[in-house]
Structures are given as structure tokens and as C-alpha cells.
Amino acid sequence: TFDKLALRAPLGKGTVLLRGPVKAREAERYFGKAPGVPGSRTKQRVRSKGRKFEMARGKRKSRG
């Protein structure tokens, strides 16, 4: 943690701060090529998950 790091190296010499993946947020899944375009891995923005709400519409050839 930061407090332990501050005690061990007050000036930060010999330390490297690591960051997690920037594109790992859930919202990033909806960006990019439009869903339904060949080669697209983008998630669809759907109002709700369920039987009546665009289940696989535009993702598969067999669904409209």
C-alpha cells in the first residue's frame, strides 16, 4: 500500500508504480465497430435482458 511504500522509500527511489489495464472497464465493450458488422466484437446496447429484447439480433445470421 502507499503508506508502507512511503515508510520504506520516502523519496520513491528504486520504486515502480504499476497501473492496471486502461481498457478493462465494462463501458469499453460497447465502443468500436457497430454490432452486427462482420468482424465486430462490440456489445449491443439493449434496454433490458430478456426474451423480448433483441436476443442475438444482428449477432447471428439465423436471427433476423
C-alpha atoms as a PDB file:
ATOM      1  CA  THR A   1       0.000   0.000   0.000  1.00  0.00           C
ATOM      2  CA  PHE A   2       1.007   3.630  -0.366  1.00  0.00           C
ATOM      3  CA  ASP A   3       1.648   4.187   3.356  1.00  0.00           C
ATOM      4  CA  LYS A   4       4.028   1.212   3.537  1.00  0.00           C
ATOM      5  CA  LEU A   5       5.770   2.412   0.401  1.00  0.00           C
ATOM      6  CA  ALA A   6       6.202   5.889   1.908  1.00  0.00           C
ATOM      7  CA  LEU A   7       7.835   4.405   5.009  1.00  0.00           C
ATOM      8  CA  ARG A   8      10.118   2.120   3.001  1.00  0.00           C
ATOM      9  CA  ALA A   9      11.167   4.668   0.341  1.00  0.00           C
ATOM     10  CA  PRO A  10      10.215   8.231   1.314  1.00  0.00           C
ATOM     11  CA  LEU A  11      11.731   9.752  -1.849  1.00  0.00           C
ATOM     12  CA  GLY A  12      10.490   6.967  -4.114  1.00  0.00           C
ATOM     13  CA  LYS A  13      13.958   5.854  -5.206  1.00  0.00           C
ATOM     14  CA  GLY A  14      14.050   2.354  -6.665  1.00  0.00           C
ATOM     15  CA  THR A  15      10.262   2.102  -6.872  1.00  0.00           C
ATOM     16  CA  VAL A  16       7.989   1.421  -9.817  1.00  0.00           C
ATOM     17  CA  LEU A  17       4.253   2.158  -9.700  1.00  0.00           C
ATOM     18  CA  LEU A  18       2.131  -0.252 -11.712  1.00  0.00           C
ATOM     19  CA  ARG A  19      -1.252   0.507 -13.243  1.00  0.00           C
ATOM     20  CA  GLY A  20      -3.952  -1.892 -14.321  1.00  0.00           C
ATOM     21  CA  PRO A  21      -5.281  -2.206 -17.858  1.00  0.00           C
ATOM     22  CA  VAL A  22      -6.854   1.056 -19.049  1.00  0.00           C
ATOM     23  CA  LYS A  23      -9.331  -0.600 -21.439  1.00  0.00           C
ATOM     24  CA  ALA A  24     -10.677  -3.051 -18.852  1.00  0.00           C
ATOM     25  CA  ARG A  25     -13.837  -1.120 -17.964  1.00  0.00           C
ATOM     26  CA  GLU A  26     -17.246  -2.519 -18.835  1.00  0.00           C
ATOM     27  CA  ALA A  27     -18.092   0.539 -20.967  1.00  0.00           C
ATOM     28  CA  GLU A  28     -15.236  -0.222 -23.400  1.00  0.00           C
ATOM     29  CA  ARG A  29     -17.137  -3.276 -24.646  1.00  0.00           C
ATOM     30  CA  TYR A  30     -19.691  -1.023 -26.337  1.00  0.00           C
ATOM     31  CA  PHE A  31     -17.145   1.082 -28.283  1.00  0.00           C
ATOM     32  CA  GLY A  32     -15.786   0.243 -31.726  1.00  0.00           C
ATOM     33  CA  LYS A  33     -17.352  -1.149 -34.887  1.00  0.00           C
ATOM     34  CA  ALA A  34     -21.133  -1.263 -34.888  1.00  0.00           C
ATOM     35  CA  PRO A  35     -22.613  -4.514 -33.582  1.00  0.00           C
ATOM     36  CA  GLY A  36     -23.734  -6.693 -36.463  1.00  0.00           C
ATOM     37  CA  VAL A  37     -20.963  -5.592 -38.813  1.00  0.00           C
ATOM     38  CA  PRO A  38     -18.823  -8.555 -39.923  1.00  0.00           C
ATOM     39  CA  GLY A  39     -15.785  -8.924 -37.664  1.00  0.00           C
ATOM     40  CA  SER A  40     -17.246  -6.780 -34.892  1.00  0.00           C
ATOM     41  CA  ARG A  41     -16.932  -7.850 -31.246  1.00  0.00           C
ATOM     42  CA  THR A  42     -18.899  -4.879 -29.917  1.00  0.00           C
ATOM     43  CA  LYS A  43     -21.742  -5.483 -27.464  1.00  0.00           C
ATOM     44  CA  GLN A  44     -25.189  -4.184 -28.316  1.00  0.00           C
ATOM     45  CA  ARG A  45     -26.824  -1.524 -26.204  1.00  0.00           C
ATOM     46  CA  VAL A  46     -30.057  -3.197 -25.178  1.00  0.00           C
ATOM     47  CA  ARG A  47     -32.717  -1.697 -22.925  1.00  0.00           C
ATOM     48  CA  SER A  48     -33.152  -4.888 -20.934  1.00  0.00           C
ATOM     49  CA  LYS A  49     -32.031  -8.514 -20.940  1.00  0.00           C
ATOM     50  CA  GLY A  50     -34.842 -10.924 -21.666  1.00  0.00           C
ATOM     51  CA  ARG A  51     -36.852 -12.853 -24.214  1.00  0.00           C
ATOM     52  CA  LYS A  52     -38.407  -9.791 -25.880  1.00  0.00           C
ATOM     53  CA  PHE A  53     -35.298  -7.598 -26.130  1.00  0.00           C
ATOM     54  CA  GLU A  54     -33.048  -8.148 -29.164  1.00  0.00           C
ATOM     55  CA  MET A  55     -31.688 -11.541 -28.261  1.00  0.00           C
ATOM     56  CA  ALA A  56     -28.755 -12.058 -30.670  1.00  0.00           C
ATOM     57  CA  ARG A  57     -30.313  -9.688 -33.211  1.00  0.00           C
ATOM     58  CA  GLY A  58     -27.512  -8.665 -35.559  1.00  0.00           C
ATOM     59  CA  LYS A  59     -25.016 -11.046 -33.976  1.00  0.00           C
ATOM     60  CA  ARG A  60     -26.035 -14.237 -35.792  1.00  0.00           C
ATOM     61  CA  LYS A  61     -27.220 -14.879 -39.339  1.00  0.00           C
ATOM     62  CA  SER A  62     -30.081 -17.044 -38.059  1.00  0.00           C
ATOM     63  CA  ARG A  63     -31.688 -14.223 -36.037  1.00  0.00           C
ATOM     64  CA  GLY A  64     -33.160 -11.737 -38.467  1.00  0.00           C
END
